[in-house]
PDB file of N, CA and C in Angstrom:
ATOM      1  N   UNK A   1      97.524  17.486 110.946  1.00  0.00           N
ATOM      2  CA  UNK A   1      96.211  18.080 111.045  1.00  0.00           C
ATOM      3  C   UNK A   1      95.305  17.292 110.078  1.00  0.00           C
ATOM      4  N   UNK A   2      94.094  16.928 110.529  1.00  0.00           N
ATOM      5  CA  UNK A   2      93.130  16.252 109.698  1.00  0.00           C
ATOM      6  C   UNK A   2      92.259  17.170 108.910  1.00  0.00           C
ATOM      7  N   UNK A   3      91.958  16.782 107.757  1.00  0.00           N
ATOM      8  CA  UNK A   3      91.035  17.640 106.873  1.00  0.00           C
ATOM      9  C   UNK A   3      89.554  17.095 107.135  1.00  0.00           C
ATOM     10  N   UNK A   4      88.758  18.034 107.447  1.00  0.00           N
ATOM     11  CA  UNK A   4      87.368  17.717 107.722  1.00  0.00           C
ATOM     12  C   UNK A   4      86.596  17.773 106.396  1.00  0.00           C
ATOM     13  N   UNK A   5      85.642  16.830 106.250  1.00  0.00           N
ATOM     14  CA  UNK A   5      84.825  16.855 105.014  1.00  0.00           C
ATOM     15  C   UNK A   5      83.426  17.072 105.384  1.00  0.00           C
ATOM     16  N   UNK A   6      82.714  17.691 104.435  1.00  0.00           N
ATOM     17  CA  UNK A   6      81.260  17.951 104.506  1.00  0.00           C
ATOM     18  C   UNK A   6      80.612  17.038 103.578  1.00  0.00           C
ATOM     19  N   UNK A   7      79.344  16.632 103.932  1.00  0.00           N
ATOM     20  CA  UNK A   7      78.587  15.776 103.031  1.00  0.00           C
ATOM     21  C   UNK A   7      77.141  16.512 102.814  1.00  0.00           C
ATOM     22  N   UNK A   8      76.835  16.533 101.601  1.00  0.00           N
ATOM     23  CA  UNK A   8      75.541  17.138 101.181  1.00  0.00           C
ATOM     24  C   UNK A   8      74.844  16.169 100.307  1.00  0.00           C
ATOM     25  N   UNK A   9      73.571  15.908 100.590  1.00  0.00           N
ATOM     26  CA  UNK A   9      72.869  14.915  99.769  1.00  0.00           C
ATOM     27  C   UNK A   9      71.575  15.402  99.290  1.00  0.00           C
ATOM     28  N   UNK A  10      71.122  15.007  98.085  1.00  0.00           N
ATOM     29  CA  UNK A  10      69.825  15.302  97.552  1.00  0.00           C
ATOM     30  C   UNK A  10      69.229  13.992  97.014  1.00  0.00           C
ATOM     31  N   UNK A  11      68.003  13.704  97.418  1.00  0.00           N
ATOM     32  CA  UNK A  11      67.318  12.538  96.901  1.00  0.00           C
ATOM     33  C   UNK A  11      66.114  13.137  96.074  1.00  0.00           C
ATOM     34  N   UNK A  12      66.107  12.649  94.837  1.00  0.00           N
ATOM     35  CA  UNK A  12      65.172  13.223  93.934  1.00  0.00           C
ATOM     36  C   UNK A  12      64.607  11.966  93.096  1.00  0.00           C
ATOM     37  N   UNK A  13      63.411  11.525  93.567  1.00  0.00           N
ATOM     38  CA  UNK A  13      62.810  10.354  92.975  1.00  0.00           C
ATOM     39  C   UNK A  13      63.765   9.147  93.229  1.00  0.00           C
ATOM     40  N   UNK A  14      64.093   8.473  92.246  1.00  0.00           N
ATOM     41  CA  UNK A  14      64.934   7.293  92.314  1.00  0.00           C
ATOM     42  C   UNK A  14      66.509   7.641  92.314  1.00  0.00           C
ATOM     43  N   UNK A  15      66.735   8.914  92.121  1.00  0.00           N
ATOM     44  CA  UNK A  15      68.163   9.350  91.922  1.00  0.00           C
ATOM     45  C   UNK A  15      68.616   9.890  93.253  1.00  0.00           C
ATOM     46  N   UNK A  16      69.877   9.580  93.470  1.00  0.00           N
ATOM     47  CA  UNK A  16      70.525  10.155  94.737  1.00  0.00           C
ATOM     48  C   UNK A  16      71.827  10.938  94.258  1.00  0.00           C
ATOM     49  N   UNK A  17      71.957  12.132  94.878  1.00  0.00           N
ATOM     50  CA  UNK A  17      73.138  12.948  94.596  1.00  0.00           C
ATOM     51  C   UNK A  17      73.808  13.149  95.934  1.00  0.00           C
ATOM     52  N   UNK A  18      75.098  12.686  96.048  1.00  0.00           N
ATOM     53  CA  UNK A  18      75.869  12.899  97.300  1.00  0.00           C
ATOM     54  C   UNK A  18      77.114  13.655  96.912  1.00  0.00           C
ATOM     55  N   UNK A  19      77.327  14.729  97.556  1.00  0.00           N
ATOM     56  CA  UNK A  19      78.497  15.567  97.380  1.00  0.00           C
ATOM     57  C   UNK A  19      79.354  15.556  98.592  1.00  0.00           C
ATOM     58  N   UNK A  20      80.613  15.219  98.486  1.00  0.00           N
ATOM     59  CA  UNK A  20      81.519  15.208  99.635  1.00  0.00           C
ATOM     60  C   UNK A  20      82.610  16.223  99.296  1.00  0.00           C
ATOM     61  N   UNK A  21      82.791  17.207 100.200  1.00  0.00           N
ATOM     62  CA  UNK A  21      83.761  18.306  99.843  1.00  0.00           C
ATOM     63  C   UNK A  21      84.346  18.834 101.053  1.00  0.00           C
ATOM     64  N   UNK A  22      85.507  19.528 101.050  1.00  0.00           N
ATOM     65  CA  UNK A  22      86.010  20.283 102.095  1.00  0.00           C
ATOM     66  C   UNK A  22      85.753  21.734 101.963  1.00  0.00           C
ATOM     67  N   UNK A  23      85.986  22.515 103.030  1.00  0.00           N
ATOM     68  CA  UNK A  23      85.649  23.952 102.940  1.00  0.00           C
ATOM     69  C   UNK A  23      86.353  24.652 101.799  1.00  0.00           C
ATOM     70  N   UNK A  24      87.639  24.244 101.492  1.00  0.00           N
ATOM     71  CA  UNK A  24      88.357  24.883 100.398  1.00  0.00           C
ATOM     72  C   UNK A  24      87.770  24.743  99.034  1.00  0.00           C
ATOM     73  N   UNK A  25      87.016  23.624  98.863  1.00  0.00           N
ATOM     74  CA  UNK A  25      86.481  23.367  97.560  1.00  0.00           C
ATOM     75  C   UNK A  25      85.013  23.673  97.425  1.00  0.00           C
ATOM     76  N   UNK A  26      84.431  24.381  98.305  1.00  0.00           N
ATOM     77  CA  UNK A  26      83.051  24.722  98.282  1.00  0.00           C
ATOM     78  C   UNK A  26      82.637  25.614  97.004  1.00  0.00           C
ATOM     79  N   UNK A  27      83.561  26.549  96.648  1.00  0.00           N
ATOM     80  CA  UNK A  27      83.226  27.339  95.446  1.00  0.00           C
ATOM     81  C   UNK A  27      83.167  26.487  94.183  1.00  0.00           C
ATOM     82  N   UNK A  28      84.125  25.528  94.117  1.00  0.00           N
ATOM     83  CA  UNK A  28      84.152  24.639  92.879  1.00  0.00           C
ATOM     84  C   UNK A  28      82.826  23.823  92.878  1.00  0.00           C
ATOM     85  N   UNK A  29      82.396  23.273  94.126  1.00  0.00           N
ATOM     86  CA  UNK A  29      81.198  22.515  94.136  1.00  0.00           C
ATOM     87  C   UNK A  29      79.948  23.400  93.780  1.00  0.00           C
ATOM     88  N   UNK A  30      79.892  24.557  94.131  1.00  0.00           N
ATOM     89  CA  UNK A  30      78.797  25.452  93.793  1.00  0.00           C
ATOM     90  C   UNK A  30      78.729  25.559  92.301  1.00  0.00           C
ATOM     91  N   UNK A  31      79.907  25.812  91.628  1.00  0.00           N
ATOM     92  CA  UNK A  31      79.910  25.845  90.203  1.00  0.00           C
ATOM     93  C   UNK A  31      79.448  24.532  89.564  1.00  0.00           C
ATOM     94  N   UNK A  32      79.835  23.439  90.156  1.00  0.00           N
ATOM     95  CA  UNK A  32      79.500  22.108  89.500  1.00  0.00           C
ATOM     96  C   UNK A  32      77.963  21.943  89.640  1.00  0.00           C
ATOM     97  N   UNK A  33      77.403  22.304  90.740  1.00  0.00           N
ATOM     98  CA  UNK A  33      75.977  22.164  90.931  1.00  0.00           C
ATOM     99  C   UNK A  33      75.183  23.031  89.956  1.00  0.00           C
ATOM    100  N   UNK A  34      75.683  24.247  89.755  1.00  0.00           N
ATOM    101  CA  UNK A  34      75.072  25.116  88.796  1.00  0.00           C
ATOM    102  C   UNK A  34      75.184  24.563  87.361  1.00  0.00           C
ATOM    103  N   UNK A  35      76.334  23.885  87.062  1.00  0.00           N
ATOM    104  CA  UNK A  35      76.432  23.302  85.800  1.00  0.00           C
ATOM    105  C   UNK A  35      75.503  22.153  85.598  1.00  0.00           C
ATOM    106  N   UNK A  36      75.328  21.347  86.639  1.00  0.00           N
ATOM    107  CA  UNK A  36      74.334  20.251  86.616  1.00  0.00           C
ATOM    108  C   UNK A  36      72.890  20.862  86.397  1.00  0.00           C
ATOM    109  N   UNK A  37      72.515  21.932  87.017  1.00  0.00           N
ATOM    110  CA  UNK A  37      71.182  22.483  86.907  1.00  0.00           C
ATOM    111  C   UNK A  37      71.008  22.949  85.442  1.00  0.00           C
ATOM    112  N   UNK A  38      72.041  23.416  84.739  1.00  0.00           N
ATOM    113  CA  UNK A  38      71.934  23.839  83.436  1.00  0.00           C
ATOM    114  C   UNK A  38      71.949  22.730  82.390  1.00  0.00           C
ATOM    115  N   UNK A  39      72.308  21.477  82.771  1.00  0.00           N
ATOM    116  CA  UNK A  39      72.365  20.379  81.968  1.00  0.00           C
ATOM    117  C   UNK A  39      70.977  19.715  81.811  1.00  0.00           C
ATOM    118  N   UNK A  40      70.361  19.670  80.712  1.00  0.00           N
ATOM    119  CA  UNK A  40      69.054  19.076  80.535  1.00  0.00           C
ATOM    120  C   UNK A  40      69.063  17.565  80.811  1.00  0.00           C
ATOM    121  N   UNK A  41      70.231  16.844  80.802  1.00  0.00           N
ATOM    122  CA  UNK A  41      70.258  15.516  81.073  1.00  0.00           C
ATOM    123  C   UNK A  41      70.389  15.096  82.481  1.00  0.00           C
ATOM    124  N   UNK A  42      70.517  16.140  83.374  1.00  0.00           N
ATOM    125  CA  UNK A  42      70.514  15.876  84.821  1.00  0.00           C
ATOM    126  C   UNK A  42      69.274  16.422  85.441  1.00  0.00           C
ATOM    127  N   UNK A  43      68.727  15.731  86.394  1.00  0.00           N
ATOM    128  CA  UNK A  43      67.482  16.061  87.043  1.00  0.00           C
ATOM    129  C   UNK A  43      67.506  17.169  88.074  1.00  0.00           C
ATOM    130  N   UNK A  44      68.714  17.659  88.408  1.00  0.00           N
ATOM    131  CA  UNK A  44      68.820  18.748  89.286  1.00  0.00           C
ATOM    132  C   UNK A  44      68.325  20.056  88.581  1.00  0.00           C
ATOM    133  N   UNK A  45      67.389  20.753  89.132  1.00  0.00           N
ATOM    134  CA  UNK A  45      66.851  21.984  88.597  1.00  0.00           C
ATOM    135  C   UNK A  45      67.396  23.185  89.322  1.00  0.00           C
ATOM    136  N   UNK A  46      67.033  24.363  88.878  1.00  0.00           N
ATOM    137  CA  UNK A  46      67.539  25.573  89.427  1.00  0.00           C
ATOM    138  C   UNK A  46      67.106  25.766  90.872  1.00  0.00           C
ATOM    139  N   UNK A  47      65.942  25.324  91.230  1.00  0.00           N
ATOM    140  CA  UNK A  47      65.489  25.357  92.607  1.00  0.00           C
ATOM    141  C   UNK A  47      66.400  24.551  93.549  1.00  0.00           C
ATOM    142  N   UNK A  48      66.634  23.242  93.062  1.00  0.00           N
ATOM    143  CA  UNK A  48      67.510  22.377  93.762  1.00  0.00           C
ATOM    144  C   UNK A  48      68.909  22.962  93.954  1.00  0.00           C
ATOM    145  N   UNK A  49      69.359  23.620  92.900  1.00  0.00           N
ATOM    146  CA  UNK A  49      70.694  24.188  92.935  1.00  0.00           C
ATOM    147  C   UNK A  49      70.777  25.373  93.981  1.00  0.00           C
ATOM    148  N   UNK A  50      69.680  26.168  94.007  1.00  0.00           N
ATOM    149  CA  UNK A  50      69.596  27.260  95.021  1.00  0.00           C
ATOM    150  C   UNK A  50      69.657  26.733  96.419  1.00  0.00           C
ATOM    151  N   UNK A  51      68.832  25.619  96.699  1.00  0.00           N
ATOM    152  CA  UNK A  51      68.780  25.067  98.038  1.00  0.00           C
ATOM    153  C   UNK A  51      70.164  24.510  98.426  1.00  0.00           C
ATOM    154  N   UNK A  52      70.815  23.742  97.455  1.00  0.00           N
ATOM    155  CA  UNK A  52      72.061  23.122  97.762  1.00  0.00           C
ATOM    156  C   UNK A  52      73.156  24.208  98.061  1.00  0.00           C
ATOM    157  N   UNK A  53      73.187  25.111  97.230  1.00  0.00           N
ATOM    158  CA  UNK A  53      74.250  26.180  97.377  1.00  0.00           C
ATOM    159  C   UNK A  53      73.961  26.928  98.670  1.00  0.00           C
ATOM    160  N   UNK A  54      72.791  27.151  99.076  1.00  0.00           N
ATOM    161  CA  UNK A  54      72.490  27.851 100.342  1.00  0.00           C
ATOM    162  C   UNK A  54      72.939  26.997 101.557  1.00  0.00           C
ATOM    163  N   UNK A  55      72.763  25.680 101.371  1.00  0.00           N
ATOM    164  CA  UNK A  55      73.287  24.763 102.467  1.00  0.00           C
ATOM    165  C   UNK A  55      74.781  24.742 102.534  1.00  0.00           C
ATOM    166  N   UNK A  56      75.450  24.854 101.437  1.00  0.00           N
ATOM    167  CA  UNK A  56      76.927  24.898 101.422  1.00  0.00           C
ATOM    168  C   UNK A  56      77.329  26.104 102.155  1.00  0.00           C
ATOM    169  N   UNK A  57      76.778  27.253 101.760  1.00  0.00           N
ATOM    170  CA  UNK A  57      77.099  28.478 102.445  1.00  0.00           C
ATOM    171  C   UNK A  57      76.865  28.501 103.933  1.00  0.00           C
ATOM    172  N   UNK A  58      75.752  27.880 104.335  1.00  0.00           N
ATOM    173  CA  UNK A  58      75.356  27.817 105.724  1.00  0.00           C
ATOM    174  C   UNK A  58      76.426  26.960 106.519  1.00  0.00           C
ATOM    175  N   UNK A  59      76.819  25.816 105.911  1.00  0.00           N
ATOM    176  CA  UNK A  59      77.804  24.931 106.550  1.00  0.00           C
ATOM    177  C   UNK A  59      79.180  25.748 106.769  1.00  0.00           C
ATOM    178  N   UNK A  60      79.469  26.591 105.802  1.00  0.00           N
ATOM    179  CA  UNK A  60      80.725  27.276 105.932  1.00  0.00           C
ATOM    180  C   UNK A  60      80.624  28.322 107.086  1.00  0.00           C
ATOM    181  N   UNK A  61      79.471  28.924 107.236  1.00  0.00           N
ATOM    182  CA  UNK A  61      79.357  30.030 108.239  1.00  0.00           C
ATOM    183  C   UNK A  61      79.021  29.578 109.634  1.00  0.00           C
ATOM    184  N   UNK A  62      78.399  28.396 109.733  1.00  0.00           N
ATOM    185  CA  UNK A  62      78.119  27.804 111.035  1.00  0.00           C
ATOM    186  C   UNK A  62      78.484  26.353 111.109  1.00  0.00           C
ATOM    187  N   UNK A  63      79.762  26.056 111.371  1.00  0.00           N
ATOM    188  CA  UNK A  63      80.185  24.662 111.293  1.00  0.00           C
ATOM    189  C   UNK A  63      79.626  23.893 112.485  1.00  0.00           C
ATOM    190  N   UNK A  64      79.481  22.588 112.321  1.00  0.00           N
ATOM    191  CA  UNK A  64      78.941  21.704 113.309  1.00  0.00           C
ATOM    192  C   UNK A  64      79.877  21.506 114.463  1.00  0.00           C
ATOM    193  N   UNK A  65      79.401  21.166 115.555  1.00  0.00           N
ATOM    194  CA  UNK A  65      80.205  20.910 116.771  1.00  0.00           C
ATOM    195  C   UNK A  65      81.021  19.639 116.521  1.00  0.00           C
ATOM    196  N   UNK A  66      82.198  19.590 117.025  1.00  0.00           N
ATOM    197  CA  UNK A  66      83.028  18.398 117.009  1.00  0.00           C
ATOM    198  C   UNK A  66      82.705  17.499 118.125  1.00  0.00           C
ATOM    199  N   UNK A  67      82.846  16.188 117.885  1.00  0.00           N
ATOM    200  CA  UNK A  67      82.525  15.222 118.902  1.00  0.00           C
ATOM    201  C   UNK A  67      83.831  14.511 119.255  1.00  0.00           C
TER     202      UNK A  67
END
């Protein structure tokens, strides 16, 4: 059985954040995104974190069609 991966990207100015994860690691990714939002050295803010985590949850509840 193949493991499907999800890709989530954020482009913020010249910086690009690309997250690749599977459904089982979505909770860990949400924690990581929140940690980045709390880090003053990372440009991801709390609004970005809210949008990204909502997209993760949406991908979990409504998976894309397979081709």
